[in-house]
Amino acid sequence: MPTNLRKRLQQGELVLGTILSLNSPDVAEILSQIGFDWIFIDAEHSTLDPQNLKALFQAIGDSTPCVVRLPAMDEIMVKKTLDAGAAGLLVPQVNTAEQVERLVQWGRYYPEGSRGLGFGRAQGYGLKVSEYLQTANEDILLSVQAESAEAVKNIESIVQVDGLDAVLVGPYDLSASMGLPGQIEHPDVKTAIQRVAAVCFDAGMPIGIFGITAEAVQPYIAQGFRFIVCGVDTIILGNATRQLLKQLRG
C-alpha cells in the first residue's frame, strides 16, 4: 500500500488527484500511470462495492495511493475498504465533530481508535499483519468533505478533532445545500468556501477542493489549498471523445 500521502500533506505539499468512478481495472491502471499523486475512487456516486474496490487497488498496485470516498459514514465500509488496501478514506456529508470522532475511532487501531483487526489484502491476507500494524495508524489518511451549510457552521469544531488529516470542500453539494444548486461561483458559495479555508489555515489543517477543470482549481491552489482533486473519468472520456469527433467532422 502506498504510504506517503498523509505525510506529504502534513508537510504542506501539494497533492493532485483525479476521480475514478468506473468499475474498470483497465481505466484504473491507465490513470495510475499518468503521474497523479493520488487517485480519488468514488464509491458514493457510483456502483462500486468492496469487491470492486479491491480489484481497482490490485490494478493500481503500489504506484499511486488510492483514497476512497465512502458511500456514507459507516463502520462496516470503513473496515472493508481499509482491509482491501485503501491508502485513505474520504467521508462525504460530514457536518459535526461527533461524526469525525467516529471516523477516527473506526479508522485507527488501538490506542488511537478501535478498528477491528482483519486479515484482508492490506494485511497480506494474514501474512503481513505485524508489519501492517506497525505503520497503519501513521500511514492511513482520514479526511472528510465539508459540503453543506451545516458543515460550514461547525467547521471550527470539526477541524479540532484529533486524528483528522484533511478537509476537502465539495462546492457542488455545498451550493445545493445553500439553495443555489450548481452555482459554485455565486458570492455566497464562495464566501462559505473562504470561511472553511480560513478556519483550516488557522488550525494548520490541510484543505482541498474538487473542480471539474484545471482552471476551476488553480485559484484555490494559489490560495494554499493542497488536497486537490480535478476531473472525473467519465467526463474526461466524454469530452475528449466529443472533441475528437468534432475535429474529424471539421
Protein backbone atom coordinates (compact mmCIF):
# COMPACT_ATOMS: atom_id res chain seq x y z
CA MET A 1 0.00 0.00 0.00
CA PRO A 2 1.39 3.46 -0.84
CA THR A 3 2.14 5.18 2.43
CA ASN A 4 3.32 8.71 1.73
CA LEU A 5 0.14 10.70 1.00
CA ARG A 6 -0.69 11.53 4.63
CA LYS A 7 2.88 12.53 5.35
CA ARG A 8 3.10 14.67 2.24
CA LEU A 9 0.00 16.61 3.28
CA GLN A 10 1.35 17.02 6.81
CA GLN A 11 4.47 18.52 5.27
CA GLY A 12 2.40 21.02 3.29
CA GLU A 13 2.96 19.51 -0.14
CA LEU A 14 0.53 19.97 -2.99
CA VAL A 15 -1.02 16.62 -3.94
CA LEU A 16 -3.01 16.35 -7.16
CA GLY A 17 -5.63 13.67 -7.78
CA THR A 18 -8.43 12.78 -10.16
CA ILE A 19 -11.68 10.86 -9.76
CA LEU A 20 -12.09 7.22 -10.76
CA SER A 21 -15.75 6.16 -10.77
CA LEU A 22 -15.87 3.47 -13.45
CA ASN A 23 -15.73 -0.17 -12.39
CA SER A 24 -12.80 -0.84 -14.71
CA PRO A 25 -9.37 -2.12 -13.61
CA ASP A 26 -8.11 -1.10 -17.05
CA VAL A 27 -9.11 2.52 -16.54
CA ALA A 28 -7.65 2.38 -13.02
CA GLU A 29 -4.35 1.08 -14.36
CA ILE A 30 -4.21 3.77 -17.04
CA LEU A 31 -4.86 6.57 -14.54
CA SER A 32 -2.20 5.18 -12.21
CA GLN A 33 0.39 5.64 -14.97
CA ILE A 34 -0.37 9.30 -15.70
CA GLY A 35 1.54 10.74 -12.74
CA PHE A 36 -1.14 11.89 -10.30
CA ASP A 37 -0.14 12.00 -6.64
CA TRP A 38 -3.30 10.14 -5.64
CA ILE A 39 -6.47 8.69 -7.09
CA PHE A 40 -9.89 9.56 -5.66
CA ILE A 41 -12.05 6.43 -6.01
CA ASP A 42 -15.70 7.38 -5.77
CA ALA A 43 -17.83 4.76 -4.01
CA GLU A 44 -20.52 7.33 -3.18
CA HIS A 45 -21.80 8.32 -6.63
CA SER A 46 -21.05 5.03 -8.37
CA THR A 47 -21.95 1.35 -8.17
CA LEU A 48 -18.57 0.33 -6.71
CA ASP A 49 -18.74 -2.18 -3.85
CA PRO A 50 -15.88 -3.54 -1.67
CA GLN A 51 -15.07 -6.33 -4.12
CA ASN A 52 -14.87 -3.83 -6.98
CA LEU A 53 -12.65 -1.58 -4.87
CA LYS A 54 -10.21 -4.40 -4.18
CA ALA A 55 -9.93 -5.16 -7.91
CA LEU A 56 -9.16 -1.50 -8.60
CA PHE A 57 -6.49 -1.46 -5.87
CA GLN A 58 -4.95 -4.58 -7.37
CA ALA A 59 -4.85 -2.99 -10.83
CA ILE A 60 -3.19 0.15 -9.50
CA GLY A 61 -0.81 -1.70 -7.19
CA ASP A 62 1.68 0.41 -5.29
CA SER A 63 2.08 3.04 -7.99
CA THR A 64 -0.44 5.59 -6.70
CA PRO A 65 -2.20 5.99 -3.33
CA CYS A 66 -5.96 5.42 -3.51
CA VAL A 67 -8.33 7.43 -1.32
CA VAL A 68 -11.89 6.10 -1.34
CA ARG A 69 -14.91 8.32 -0.92
CA LEU A 70 -17.23 6.10 1.08
CA PRO A 71 -20.96 5.93 0.37
CA ALA A 72 -21.63 7.26 3.87
CA MET A 73 -20.29 7.27 7.42
CA ASP A 74 -20.47 3.53 8.02
CA GLU A 75 -18.23 1.39 10.22
CA ILE A 76 -18.52 -1.72 8.05
CA MET A 77 -17.48 0.18 4.92
CA VAL A 78 -14.56 1.72 6.81
CA LYS A 79 -13.34 -1.76 7.80
CA LYS A 80 -13.86 -3.37 4.42
CA THR A 81 -12.27 -0.51 2.48
CA LEU A 82 -9.19 -0.25 4.65
CA ASP A 83 -8.74 -4.03 4.79
CA ALA A 84 -8.93 -4.11 0.99
CA GLY A 85 -5.92 -1.79 0.86
CA ALA A 86 -7.05 1.83 0.65
CA ALA A 87 -4.38 4.40 1.46
CA GLY A 88 -7.06 6.67 2.86
CA LEU A 89 -10.72 7.45 3.31
CA LEU A 90 -12.82 10.47 2.41
CA VAL A 91 -16.22 10.63 4.08
CA PRO A 92 -18.93 12.74 2.44
CA GLN A 93 -21.56 14.90 4.14
CA VAL A 94 -19.73 15.30 7.44
CA ASN A 95 -21.40 18.07 9.41
CA THR A 96 -20.31 17.67 13.03
CA ALA A 97 -17.25 16.95 15.14
CA GLU A 98 -19.01 13.88 16.52
CA GLN A 99 -19.07 12.33 13.05
CA VAL A 100 -15.35 12.95 12.66
CA GLU A 101 -14.68 11.34 16.03
CA ARG A 102 -16.48 8.20 14.86
CA LEU A 103 -14.37 8.09 11.71
CA VAL A 104 -11.16 8.29 13.73
CA GLN A 105 -12.36 5.55 16.08
CA TRP A 106 -13.25 3.23 13.23
CA GLY A 107 -10.23 4.07 11.08
CA ARG A 108 -7.39 3.78 13.62
CA TYR A 109 -6.16 0.83 15.61
CA TYR A 110 -5.77 0.96 19.40
CA PRO A 111 -4.71 3.15 21.17
CA GLU A 112 -5.81 5.87 18.73
CA GLY A 113 -9.06 4.13 17.83
CA SER A 114 -10.98 0.90 17.93
CA ARG A 115 -10.54 -0.50 14.43
CA GLY A 116 -11.03 -4.25 14.30
CA LEU A 117 -8.20 -6.44 13.09
CA GLY A 118 -8.90 -8.32 9.88
CA PHE A 119 -6.79 -10.40 7.52
CA GLY A 120 -7.51 -8.83 4.17
CA ARG A 121 -5.38 -7.65 1.29
CA ALA A 122 -3.94 -4.77 3.33
CA GLN A 123 -2.55 -7.24 5.86
CA GLY A 124 -1.12 -9.54 3.19
CA TYR A 125 -4.14 -11.83 3.68
CA GLY A 126 -2.80 -12.57 7.16
CA LEU A 127 0.86 -12.96 6.17
CA LYS A 128 1.95 -9.40 6.98
CA VAL A 129 -0.19 -8.48 9.96
CA SER A 130 2.68 -7.32 12.20
CA GLU A 131 4.16 -5.09 9.50
CA TYR A 132 0.79 -3.52 8.74
CA LEU A 133 0.00 -2.87 12.39
CA GLN A 134 3.29 -1.04 12.84
CA THR A 135 2.52 1.52 10.15
CA ALA A 136 -1.25 1.70 9.55
CA ASN A 137 -2.06 4.41 12.09
CA GLU A 138 0.75 6.59 10.77
CA ASP A 139 0.10 5.99 7.08
CA ILE A 140 -3.66 5.97 6.54
CA LEU A 141 -5.23 9.28 5.61
CA LEU A 142 -8.58 10.08 7.23
CA SER A 143 -10.35 13.00 5.59
CA VAL A 144 -13.85 14.44 5.38
CA GLN A 145 -15.83 16.57 2.99
CA ALA A 146 -17.23 19.93 4.02
CA GLU A 147 -20.11 20.24 1.61
CA SER A 148 -23.08 21.67 3.46
CA ALA A 149 -24.12 24.87 5.18
CA GLU A 150 -24.13 22.95 8.47
CA ALA A 151 -20.53 21.82 7.95
CA VAL A 152 -19.51 25.42 7.29
CA LYS A 153 -21.22 26.50 10.50
CA ASN A 154 -19.46 23.77 12.53
CA ILE A 155 -16.07 23.88 10.81
CA GLU A 156 -14.18 25.16 13.88
CA SER A 157 -15.12 22.11 15.96
CA ILE A 158 -14.65 19.73 13.01
CA VAL A 159 -11.02 20.67 12.42
CA GLN A 160 -10.18 20.37 16.12
CA VAL A 161 -10.83 16.61 16.21
CA ASP A 162 -7.56 14.81 16.87
CA GLY A 163 -6.81 12.31 14.12
CA LEU A 164 -8.45 14.17 11.25
CA ASP A 165 -5.92 14.66 8.45
CA ALA A 166 -7.62 16.84 5.83
CA VAL A 167 -10.81 18.59 4.77
CA LEU A 168 -12.00 18.64 1.16
CA VAL A 169 -14.61 21.14 0.07
CA GLY A 170 -17.37 19.82 -2.19
CA PRO A 171 -18.53 23.01 -3.93
CA TYR A 172 -21.42 21.47 -5.83
CA ASP A 173 -23.16 19.88 -2.84
CA LEU A 174 -22.36 22.98 -0.81
CA SER A 175 -24.09 25.17 -3.36
CA ALA A 176 -27.12 22.86 -3.34
CA SER A 177 -27.35 22.95 0.46
CA MET A 178 -27.41 26.75 0.27
CA GLY A 179 -30.30 26.75 -2.19
CA LEU A 180 -28.00 27.58 -5.09
CA PRO A 181 -27.56 24.23 -6.85
CA GLY A 182 -24.65 24.24 -9.26
CA GLN A 183 -23.92 27.94 -8.74
CA ILE A 184 -20.42 27.41 -7.41
CA GLU A 185 -19.31 30.91 -8.46
CA HIS A 186 -22.13 32.58 -6.53
CA PRO A 187 -20.73 35.09 -4.00
CA ASP A 188 -22.45 33.35 -1.08
CA VAL A 189 -20.96 29.97 -2.02
CA LYS A 190 -17.51 31.46 -2.45
CA THR A 191 -17.85 33.20 0.93
CA ALA A 192 -18.71 29.88 2.56
CA ILE A 193 -15.68 28.22 0.93
CA GLN A 194 -13.44 31.01 2.16
CA ARG A 195 -14.78 30.61 5.70
CA VAL A 196 -13.82 26.92 5.66
CA ALA A 197 -10.43 27.83 4.23
CA ALA A 198 -9.73 30.48 6.85
CA VAL A 199 -10.52 28.11 9.71
CA CYS A 200 -8.44 25.30 8.21
CA PHE A 201 -5.46 27.59 7.57
CA ASP A 202 -5.65 28.92 11.13
CA ALA A 203 -5.75 25.37 12.54
CA GLY A 204 -2.97 24.07 10.27
CA MET A 205 -5.44 21.63 8.73
CA PRO A 206 -4.74 20.66 5.10
CA ILE A 207 -7.62 21.73 2.91
CA GLY A 208 -8.58 20.73 -0.60
CA ILE A 209 -11.30 21.20 -3.17
CA PHE A 210 -12.82 19.47 -6.18
CA GLY A 211 -13.04 21.04 -9.61
CA ILE A 212 -14.02 19.67 -13.00
CA THR A 213 -11.27 21.60 -14.79
CA ALA A 214 -7.76 22.80 -14.01
CA GLU A 215 -9.00 26.37 -14.36
CA ALA A 216 -11.53 25.76 -11.59
CA VAL A 217 -8.97 24.64 -9.01
CA GLN A 218 -5.97 26.80 -9.88
CA PRO A 219 -7.18 29.87 -7.91
CA TYR A 220 -7.55 27.69 -4.82
CA ILE A 221 -4.09 26.19 -5.27
CA ALA A 222 -2.77 29.75 -5.35
CA GLN A 223 -4.51 30.38 -2.01
CA GLY A 224 -2.83 27.41 -0.36
CA PHE A 225 -5.29 24.57 -0.92
CA ARG A 226 -3.14 21.44 -1.08
CA PHE A 227 -5.52 18.43 -1.27
CA ILE A 228 -6.72 18.81 -4.86
CA VAL A 229 -8.95 16.58 -6.95
CA CYS A 230 -9.63 17.59 -10.54
CA GLY A 231 -11.63 15.89 -13.26
CA VAL A 232 -13.80 12.78 -13.41
CA ASP A 233 -13.02 9.76 -15.57
CA THR A 234 -16.40 9.77 -17.30
CA ILE A 235 -16.27 13.49 -18.11
CA ILE A 236 -12.67 13.31 -19.29
CA LEU A 237 -13.56 10.40 -21.60
CA GLY A 238 -16.70 12.05 -22.89
CA ASN A 239 -15.13 15.46 -23.52
CA ALA A 240 -12.03 14.04 -25.23
CA THR A 241 -14.12 11.82 -27.49
CA ARG A 242 -16.52 14.65 -28.33
CA GLN A 243 -13.58 16.88 -29.24
CA LEU A 244 -12.08 14.16 -31.39
CA LEU A 245 -15.31 13.72 -33.32
CA LYS A 246 -15.67 17.47 -33.73
CA GLN A 247 -12.19 17.65 -35.24
CA LEU A 248 -12.88 14.73 -37.57
CA ARG A 249 -16.02 16.39 -38.88
CA GLY A 250 -14.15 19.64 -39.37
